[in-house]
Amino acid sequence: DVVVVARGGGSNADLEAFNTELVARAVASCAKPVISAV
């Protein structure tokens, strides 16, 4: 019913994957409501 994208705390470099265009488009195109907890 819902999809949660989650990652614990870290530096900007650690969170870099969640700032990529690939992941952003995947989140936006997901057919389920997404909760981002990064």
PDB file of all heavy atoms in Angstrom:
ATOM      1  N   ASP A   1       0.819  -1.205   0.000  1.00  0.00           N
ATOM      2  CA  ASP A   1       0.000   0.000   0.000  1.00  0.00           C
ATOM      3  C   ASP A   1       0.855   1.259   0.000  1.00  0.00           C
ATOM      4  O   ASP A   1       0.380   2.328  -0.413  1.00  0.00           O
ATOM      5  CB  ASP A   1      -0.914   0.004   1.231  1.00  0.00           C
ATOM      6  CG  ASP A   1      -1.835  -1.187   1.243  1.00  0.00           C
ATOM      7  OD1 ASP A   1      -2.574  -1.368   0.269  1.00  0.00           O
ATOM      8  OD2 ASP A   1      -1.812  -1.948   2.231  1.00  0.00           O
ATOM      9  N   VAL A   2       2.089   1.146   0.479  1.00  0.00           N
ATOM     10  CA  VAL A   2       2.989   2.304   0.539  1.00  0.00           C
ATOM     11  C   VAL A   2       4.418   1.779   0.467  1.00  0.00           C
ATOM     12  O   VAL A   2       4.699   0.644   0.878  1.00  0.00           O
ATOM     13  CB  VAL A   2       2.754   3.109   1.836  1.00  0.00           C
ATOM     14  CG1 VAL A   2       3.150   2.302   3.063  1.00  0.00           C
ATOM     15  CG2 VAL A   2       3.508   4.425   1.820  1.00  0.00           C
ATOM     16  N   VAL A   3       5.332   2.604  -0.071  1.00  0.00           N
ATOM     17  CA  VAL A   3       6.743   2.238  -0.173  1.00  0.00           C
ATOM     18  C   VAL A   3       7.567   3.267   0.596  1.00  0.00           C
ATOM     19  O   VAL A   3       7.384   4.476   0.408  1.00  0.00           O
ATOM     20  CB  VAL A   3       7.210   2.182  -1.642  1.00  0.00           C
ATOM     21  CG1 VAL A   3       8.706   1.871  -1.717  1.00  0.00           C
ATOM     22  CG2 VAL A   3       6.411   1.138  -2.413  1.00  0.00           C
ATOM     23  N   VAL A   4       8.443   2.779   1.467  1.00  0.00           N
ATOM     24  CA  VAL A   4       9.302   3.649   2.272  1.00  0.00           C
ATOM     25  C   VAL A   4      10.738   3.504   1.772  1.00  0.00           C
ATOM     26  O   VAL A   4      11.274   2.394   1.714  1.00  0.00           O
ATOM     27  CB  VAL A   4       9.224   3.277   3.765  1.00  0.00           C
ATOM     28  CG1 VAL A   4      10.147   4.180   4.582  1.00  0.00           C
ATOM     29  CG2 VAL A   4       7.788   3.382   4.262  1.00  0.00           C
ATOM     30  N   VAL A   5      11.335   4.636   1.393  1.00  0.00           N
ATOM     31  CA  VAL A   5      12.756   4.661   1.024  1.00  0.00           C
ATOM     32  C   VAL A   5      13.500   5.197   2.242  1.00  0.00           C
ATOM     33  O   VAL A   5      13.286   6.341   2.647  1.00  0.00           O
ATOM     34  CB  VAL A   5      12.997   5.568  -0.204  1.00  0.00           C
ATOM     35  CG1 VAL A   5      14.469   5.548  -0.580  1.00  0.00           C
ATOM     36  CG2 VAL A   5      12.154   5.097  -1.374  1.00  0.00           C
ATOM     37  N   ALA A   6      14.367   4.368   2.825  1.00  0.00           N
ATOM     38  CA  ALA A   6      14.948   4.738   4.124  1.00  0.00           C
ATOM     39  C   ALA A   6      16.457   4.557   4.126  1.00  0.00           C
ATOM     40  O   ALA A   6      16.993   3.647   3.490  1.00  0.00           O
ATOM     41  CB  ALA A   6      14.315   3.907   5.238  1.00  0.00           C
ATOM     42  N   ARG A   7      17.103   5.467   4.863  1.00  0.00           N
ATOM     43  CA  ARG A   7      18.537   5.362   5.109  1.00  0.00           C
ATOM     44  C   ARG A   7      18.859   6.143   6.365  1.00  0.00           C
ATOM     45  O   ARG A   7      18.289   7.207   6.607  1.00  0.00           O
ATOM     46  CB  ARG A   7      19.339   5.948   3.932  1.00  0.00           C
ATOM     47  CG  ARG A   7      20.820   5.547   3.970  1.00  0.00           C
ATOM     48  CD  ARG A   7      21.736   6.737   3.824  1.00  0.00           C
ATOM     49  NE  ARG A   7      23.126   6.340   3.686  1.00  0.00           N
ATOM     50  CZ  ARG A   7      23.946   6.146   4.718  1.00  0.00           C
ATOM     51  NH1 ARG A   7      23.506   6.308   5.967  1.00  0.00           N
ATOM     52  NH2 ARG A   7      25.206   5.793   4.528  1.00  0.00           N
ATOM     53  N   GLY A   8      19.766   5.631   7.170  1.00  0.00           N
ATOM     54  CA  GLY A   8      20.140   6.319   8.397  1.00  0.00           C
ATOM     55  C   GLY A   8      20.956   7.560   8.117  1.00  0.00           C
ATOM     56  O   GLY A   8      21.272   7.895   6.968  1.00  0.00           O
ATOM     57  N   GLY A   9      21.312   8.265   9.175  1.00  0.00           N
ATOM     58  CA  GLY A   9      22.058   9.505   9.032  1.00  0.00           C
ATOM     59  C   GLY A   9      23.464   9.280   8.504  1.00  0.00           C
ATOM     60  O   GLY A   9      24.025   8.182   8.574  1.00  0.00           O
ATOM     61  N   GLY A  10      24.038  10.315   7.955  1.00  0.00           N
ATOM     62  CA  GLY A  10      25.392  10.246   7.423  1.00  0.00           C
ATOM     63  C   GLY A  10      25.791  11.581   6.819  1.00  0.00           C
ATOM     64  O   GLY A  10      25.045  12.562   6.877  1.00  0.00           O
ATOM     65  N   SER A  11      26.941  11.604   6.208  1.00  0.00           N
ATOM     66  CA  SER A  11      27.421  12.828   5.570  1.00  0.00           C
ATOM     67  C   SER A  11      26.725  13.009   4.232  1.00  0.00           C
ATOM     68  O   SER A  11      25.991  12.134   3.759  1.00  0.00           O
ATOM     69  CB  SER A  11      28.930  12.741   5.360  1.00  0.00           C
ATOM     70  OG  SER A  11      29.228  11.701   4.435  1.00  0.00           O
ATOM     71  N   ASN A  12      26.958  14.156   3.616  1.00  0.00           N
ATOM     72  CA  ASN A  12      26.399  14.397   2.284  1.00  0.00           C
ATOM     73  C   ASN A  12      26.876  13.350   1.287  1.00  0.00           C
ATOM     74  O   ASN A  12      26.130  12.932   0.397  1.00  0.00           O
ATOM     75  CB  ASN A  12      26.789  15.793   1.799  1.00  0.00           C
ATOM     76  CG  ASN A  12      25.969  16.865   2.481  1.00  0.00           C
ATOM     77  OD1 ASN A  12      25.035  16.565   3.198  1.00  0.00           O
ATOM     78  ND2 ASN A  12      26.347  18.113   2.269  1.00  0.00           N
ATOM     79  N   ALA A  13      28.122  12.928   1.447  1.00  0.00           N
ATOM     80  CA  ALA A  13      28.651  11.906   0.544  1.00  0.00           C
ATOM     81  C   ALA A  13      27.924  10.580   0.753  1.00  0.00           C
ATOM     82  O   ALA A  13      27.673   9.841  -0.201  1.00  0.00           O
ATOM     83  CB  ALA A  13      30.148  11.734   0.776  1.00  0.00           C
ATOM     84  N   ASP A  14      27.565  10.282   2.005  1.00  0.00           N
ATOM     85  CA  ASP A  14      26.848   9.036   2.288  1.00  0.00           C
ATOM     86  C   ASP A  14      25.447   9.037   1.693  1.00  0.00           C
ATOM     87  O   ASP A  14      24.912   7.987   1.341  1.00  0.00           O
ATOM     88  CB  ASP A  14      26.750   8.821   3.801  1.00  0.00           C
ATOM     89  CG  ASP A  14      28.119   8.613   4.438  1.00  0.00           C
ATOM     90  OD1 ASP A  14      29.034   8.162   3.714  1.00  0.00           O
ATOM     91  OD2 ASP A  14      28.276   8.921   5.626  1.00  0.00           O
ATOM     92  N   LEU A  15      24.857  10.226   1.586  1.00  0.00           N
ATOM     93  CA  LEU A  15      23.491  10.341   1.062  1.00  0.00           C
ATOM     94  C   LEU A  15      23.453  10.602  -0.438  1.00  0.00           C
ATOM     95  O   LEU A  15      22.384  10.861  -0.989  1.00  0.00           O
ATOM     96  CB  LEU A  15      22.750  11.473   1.795  1.00  0.00           C
ATOM     97  CG  LEU A  15      22.736  11.419   3.325  1.00  0.00           C
ATOM     98  CD1 LEU A  15      21.959  12.604   3.879  1.00  0.00           C
ATOM     99  CD2 LEU A  15      22.140  10.120   3.820  1.00  0.00           C
ATOM    100  N   GLU A  16      24.606  10.522  -1.092  1.00  0.00           N
ATOM    101  CA  GLU A  16      24.705  10.934  -2.486  1.00  0.00           C
ATOM    102  C   GLU A  16      23.786  10.130  -3.402  1.00  0.00           C
ATOM    103  O   GLU A  16      23.227  10.668  -4.370  1.00  0.00           O
ATOM    104  CB  GLU A  16      26.153  10.792  -2.957  1.00  0.00           C
ATOM    105  CG  GLU A  16      26.404  11.353  -4.334  1.00  0.00           C
ATOM    106  CD  GLU A  16      27.885  11.324  -4.696  1.00  0.00           C
ATOM    107  OE1 GLU A  16      28.685  10.852  -3.861  1.00  0.00           O
ATOM    108  OE2 GLU A  16      28.225  11.773  -5.794  1.00  0.00           O
ATOM    109  N   ALA A  17      23.588   8.841  -3.112  1.00  0.00           N
ATOM    110  CA  ALA A  17      22.760   8.004  -3.989  1.00  0.00           C
ATOM    111  C   ALA A  17      21.329   8.521  -4.062  1.00  0.00           C
ATOM    112  O   ALA A  17      20.658   8.382  -5.090  1.00  0.00           O
ATOM    113  CB  ALA A  17      22.769   6.556  -3.487  1.00  0.00           C
ATOM    114  N   PHE A  18      20.850   9.135  -2.991  1.00  0.00           N
ATOM    115  CA  PHE A  18      19.471   9.611  -2.938  1.00  0.00           C
ATOM    116  C   PHE A  18      19.324  11.005  -3.563  1.00  0.00           C
ATOM    117  O   PHE A  18      18.220  11.531  -3.606  1.00  0.00           O
ATOM    118  CB  PHE A  18      18.972   9.622  -1.493  1.00  0.00           C
ATOM    119  CG  PHE A  18      18.959   8.260  -0.871  1.00  0.00           C
ATOM    120  CD1 PHE A  18      20.065   7.786  -0.165  1.00  0.00           C
ATOM    121  CD2 PHE A  18      17.863   7.431  -1.007  1.00  0.00           C
ATOM    122  CE1 PHE A  18      20.059   6.529   0.402  1.00  0.00           C
ATOM    123  CE2 PHE A  18      17.844   6.163  -0.445  1.00  0.00           C
ATOM    124  CZ  PHE A  18      18.945   5.708   0.261  1.00  0.00           C
ATOM    125  N   ASN A  19      20.455  11.575  -4.016  1.00  0.00           N
ATOM    126  CA  ASN A  19      20.421  12.855  -4.716  1.00  0.00           C
ATOM    127  C   ASN A  19      20.697  12.682  -6.209  1.00  0.00           C
ATOM    128  O   ASN A  19      20.927  13.673  -6.911  1.00  0.00           O
ATOM    129  CB  ASN A  19      21.448  13.820  -4.115  1.00  0.00           C
ATOM    130  CG  ASN A  19      20.968  14.387  -2.786  1.00  0.00           C
ATOM    131  OD1 ASN A  19      19.794  14.711  -2.636  1.00  0.00           O
ATOM    132  ND2 ASN A  19      21.884  14.499  -1.832  1.00  0.00           N
ATOM    133  N   THR A  20      20.675  11.450  -6.674  1.00  0.00           N
ATOM    134  CA  THR A  20      20.919  11.203  -8.090  1.00  0.00           C
ATOM    135  C   THR A  20      19.613  11.311  -8.880  1.00  0.00           C
ATOM    136  O   THR A  20      18.511  11.108  -8.353  1.00  0.00           O
ATOM    137  CB  THR A  20      21.506   9.802  -8.298  1.00  0.00           C
ATOM    138  OG1 THR A  20      20.572   8.823  -7.810  1.00  0.00           O
ATOM    139  CG2 THR A  20      22.832   9.660  -7.565  1.00  0.00           C
ATOM    140  N   GLU A  21      19.760  11.644 -10.155  1.00  0.00           N
ATOM    141  CA  GLU A  21      18.590  11.767 -11.033  1.00  0.00           C
ATOM    142  C   GLU A  21      17.889  10.426 -11.192  1.00  0.00           C
ATOM    143  O   GLU A  21      16.650  10.365 -11.268  1.00  0.00           O
ATOM    144  CB  GLU A  21      19.034  12.294 -12.399  1.00  0.00           C
ATOM    145  CG  GLU A  21      17.875  12.528 -13.364  1.00  0.00           C
ATOM    146  CD  GLU A  21      18.339  13.169 -14.660  1.00  0.00           C
ATOM    147  OE1 GLU A  21      19.565  13.439 -14.795  1.00  0.00           O
ATOM    148  OE2 GLU A  21      17.485  13.411 -15.539  1.00  0.00           O
ATOM    149  N   LEU A  22      18.652   9.330 -11.206  1.00  0.00           N
ATOM    150  CA  LEU A  22      18.075   8.006 -11.383  1.00  0.00           C
ATOM    151  C   LEU A  22      17.104   7.673 -10.253  1.00  0.00           C
ATOM    152  O   LEU A  22      15.967   7.239 -10.490  1.00  0.00           O
ATOM    153  CB  LEU A  22      19.195   6.959 -11.448  1.00  0.00           C
ATOM    154  CG  LEU A  22      18.757   5.508 -11.622  1.00  0.00           C
ATOM    155  CD1 LEU A  22      18.047   5.327 -12.954  1.00  0.00           C
ATOM    156  CD2 LEU A  22      19.973   4.580 -11.519  1.00  0.00           C
ATOM    157  N   VAL A  23      17.537   7.886  -9.010  1.00  0.00           N
ATOM    158  CA  VAL A  23      16.678   7.574  -7.862  1.00  0.00           C
ATOM    159  C   VAL A  23      15.503   8.543  -7.792  1.00  0.00           C
ATOM    160  O   VAL A  23      14.369   8.145  -7.494  1.00  0.00           O
ATOM    161  CB  VAL A  23      17.497   7.604  -6.557  1.00  0.00           C
ATOM    162  CG1 VAL A  23      16.581   7.505  -5.340  1.00  0.00           C
ATOM    163  CG2 VAL A  23      18.509   6.466  -6.549  1.00  0.00           C
ATOM    164  N   ALA A  24      15.746   9.821  -8.080  1.00  0.00           N
ATOM    165  CA  ALA A  24      14.666  10.809  -8.032  1.00  0.00           C
ATOM    166  C   ALA A  24      13.555  10.446  -9.012  1.00  0.00           C
ATOM    167  O   ALA A  24      12.362  10.494  -8.678  1.00  0.00           O
ATOM    168  CB  ALA A  24      15.211  12.201  -8.337  1.00  0.00           C
ATOM    169  N   ARG A  25      13.946  10.058 -10.220  1.00  0.00           N
ATOM    170  CA  ARG A  25      12.927   9.680 -11.208  1.00  0.00           C
ATOM    171  C   ARG A  25      12.229   8.378 -10.810  1.00  0.00           C
ATOM    172  O   ARG A  25      11.026   8.203 -11.068  1.00  0.00           O
ATOM    173  CB  ARG A  25      13.564   9.545 -12.589  1.00  0.00           C
ATOM    174  CG  ARG A  25      14.040  10.871 -13.159  1.00  0.00           C
ATOM    175  CD  ARG A  25      14.463  10.740 -14.615  1.00  0.00           C
ATOM    176  NE  ARG A  25      14.923  12.011 -15.157  1.00  0.00           N
ATOM    177  CZ  ARG A  25      14.118  12.975 -15.602  1.00  0.00           C
ATOM    178  NH1 ARG A  25      12.798  12.795 -15.569  1.00  0.00           N
ATOM    179  NH2 ARG A  25      14.614  14.092 -16.078  1.00  0.00           N
ATOM    180  N   ALA A  26      12.947   7.465 -10.198  1.00  0.00           N
ATOM    181  CA  ALA A  26      12.332   6.210  -9.759  1.00  0.00           C
ATOM    182  C   ALA A  26      11.295   6.476  -8.668  1.00  0.00           C
ATOM    183  O   ALA A  26      10.222   5.857  -8.639  1.00  0.00           O
ATOM    184  CB  ALA A  26      13.403   5.251  -9.253  1.00  0.00           C
ATOM    185  N   VAL A  27      11.608   7.406  -7.752  1.00  0.00           N
ATOM    186  CA  VAL A  27      10.647   7.763  -6.697  1.00  0.00           C
ATOM    187  C   VAL A  27       9.419   8.424  -7.314  1.00  0.00           C
ATOM    188  O   VAL A  27       8.275   8.106  -6.977  1.00  0.00           O
ATOM    189  CB  VAL A  27      11.305   8.702  -5.669  1.00  0.00           C
ATOM    190  CG1 VAL A  27      10.251   9.261  -4.703  1.00  0.00           C
ATOM    191  CG2 VAL A  27      12.379   7.959  -4.881  1.00  0.00           C
ATOM    192  N   ALA A  28       9.641   9.352  -8.242  1.00  0.00           N
ATOM    193  CA  ALA A  28       8.527  10.092  -8.845  1.00  0.00           C
ATOM    194  C   ALA A  28       7.628   9.191  -9.682  1.00  0.00           C
ATOM    195  O   ALA A  28       6.417   9.417  -9.762  1.00  0.00           O
ATOM    196  CB  ALA A  28       9.060  11.243  -9.694  1.00  0.00           C
ATOM    197  N   SER A  29       8.202   8.168 -10.329  1.00  0.00           N
ATOM    198  CA  SER A  29       7.409   7.301 -11.212  1.00  0.00           C
ATOM    199  C   SER A  29       6.834   6.085 -10.502  1.00  0.00           C
ATOM    200  O   SER A  29       6.151   5.282 -11.135  1.00  0.00           O
ATOM    201  CB  SER A  29       8.280   6.843 -12.386  1.00  0.00           C
ATOM    202  OG  SER A  29       9.385   6.072 -11.919  1.00  0.00           O
ATOM    203  N   CYS A  30       7.096   5.937  -9.216  1.00  0.00           N
ATOM    204  CA  CYS A  30       6.585   4.776  -8.475  1.00  0.00           C
ATOM    205  C   CYS A  30       5.055   4.825  -8.447  1.00  0.00           C
ATOM    206  O   CYS A  30       4.453   5.863  -8.174  1.00  0.00           O
ATOM    207  CB  CYS A  30       7.143   4.761  -7.061  1.00  0.00           C
ATOM    208  SG  CYS A  30       6.673   3.295  -6.102  1.00  0.00           S
ATOM    209  N   ALA A  31       4.435   3.685  -8.721  1.00  0.00           N
ATOM    210  CA  ALA A  31       2.967   3.615  -8.757  1.00  0.00           C
ATOM    211  C   ALA A  31       2.355   3.562  -7.370  1.00  0.00           C
ATOM    212  O   ALA A  31       1.133   3.612  -7.229  1.00  0.00           O
ATOM    213  CB  ALA A  31       2.517   2.393  -9.565  1.00  0.00           C
ATOM    214  N   LYS A  32       3.173   3.435  -6.347  1.00  0.00           N
ATOM    215  CA  LYS A  32       2.704   3.425  -4.969  1.00  0.00           C
ATOM    216  C   LYS A  32       3.117   4.735  -4.283  1.00  0.00           C
ATOM    217  O   LYS A  32       4.132   5.333  -4.632  1.00  0.00           O
ATOM    218  CB  LYS A  32       3.310   2.244  -4.193  1.00  0.00           C
ATOM    219  CG  LYS A  32       3.102   0.891  -4.860  1.00  0.00           C
ATOM    220  CD  LYS A  32       1.649   0.479  -4.858  1.00  0.00           C
ATOM    221  CE  LYS A  32       1.494  -0.906  -5.492  1.00  0.00           C
ATOM    222  NZ  LYS A  32       0.092  -1.347  -5.500  1.00  0.00           N
ATOM    223  N   PRO A  33       2.327   5.186  -3.290  1.00  0.00           N
ATOM    224  CA  PRO A  33       2.757   6.363  -2.529  1.00  0.00           C
ATOM    225  C   PRO A  33       4.098   6.093  -1.842  1.00  0.00           C
ATOM    226  O   PRO A  33       4.311   5.005  -1.303  1.00  0.00           O
ATOM    227  CB  PRO A  33       1.627   6.542  -1.499  1.00  0.00           C
ATOM    228  CG  PRO A  33       0.458   5.826  -2.080  1.00  0.00           C
ATOM    229  CD  PRO A  33       1.008   4.683  -2.867  1.00  0.00           C
ATOM    230  N   VAL A  34       4.987   7.077  -1.876  1.00  0.00           N
ATOM    231  CA  VAL A  34       6.340   6.901  -1.349  1.00  0.00           C
ATOM    232  C   VAL A  34       6.549   7.813  -0.144  1.00  0.00           C
ATOM    233  O   VAL A  34       6.190   8.997  -0.179  1.00  0.00           O
ATOM    234  CB  VAL A  34       7.401   7.205  -2.430  1.00  0.00           C
ATOM    235  CG1 VAL A  34       8.809   7.080  -1.846  1.00  0.00           C
ATOM    236  CG2 VAL A  34       7.233   6.253  -3.610  1.00  0.00           C
ATOM    237  N   ILE A  35       7.140   7.238   0.902  1.00  0.00           N
ATOM    238  CA  ILE A  35       7.600   8.016   2.057  1.00  0.00           C
ATOM    239  C   ILE A  35       9.127   8.003   2.014  1.00  0.00           C
ATOM    240  O   ILE A  35       9.737   6.934   2.003  1.00  0.00           O
ATOM    241  CB  ILE A  35       7.107   7.418   3.384  1.00  0.00           C
ATOM    242  CG1 ILE A  35       5.580   7.403   3.441  1.00  0.00           C
ATOM    243  CG2 ILE A  35       7.671   8.192   4.568  1.00  0.00           C
ATOM    244  CD1 ILE A  35       5.024   6.734   4.692  1.00  0.00           C
ATOM    245  N   SER A  36       9.734   9.181   1.971  1.00  0.00           N
ATOM    246  CA  SER A  36      11.185   9.286   1.937  1.00  0.00           C
ATOM    247  C   SER A  36      11.693   9.589   3.344  1.00  0.00           C
ATOM    248  O   SER A  36      11.316  10.585   3.951  1.00  0.00           O
ATOM    249  CB  SER A  36      11.619  10.389   0.964  1.00  0.00           C
ATOM    250  OG  SER A  36      13.026  10.515   0.965  1.00  0.00           O
ATOM    251  N   ALA A  37      12.544   8.681   3.863  1.00  0.00           N
ATOM    252  CA  ALA A  37      13.120   8.851   5.198  1.00  0.00           C
ATOM    253  C   ALA A  37      14.626   8.670   5.080  1.00  0.00           C
ATOM    254  O   ALA A  37      15.177   7.622   5.424  1.00  0.00           O
ATOM    255  CB  ALA A  37      12.516   7.844   6.174  1.00  0.00           C
ATOM    256  N   VAL A  38      15.290   9.711   4.574  1.00  0.00           N
ATOM    257  CA  VAL A  38      16.716   9.634   4.271  1.00  0.00           C
ATOM    258  C   VAL A  38      17.481  10.573   5.188  1.00  0.00           C
ATOM    259  O   VAL A  38      17.208  11.785   5.225  1.00  0.00           O
ATOM    260  CB  VAL A  38      16.978   9.995   2.795  1.00  0.00           C
ATOM    261  CG1 VAL A  38      18.471   9.965   2.501  1.00  0.00           C
ATOM    262  CG2 VAL A  38      16.238   9.028   1.877  1.00  0.00           C
TER     263      VAL A  38
END
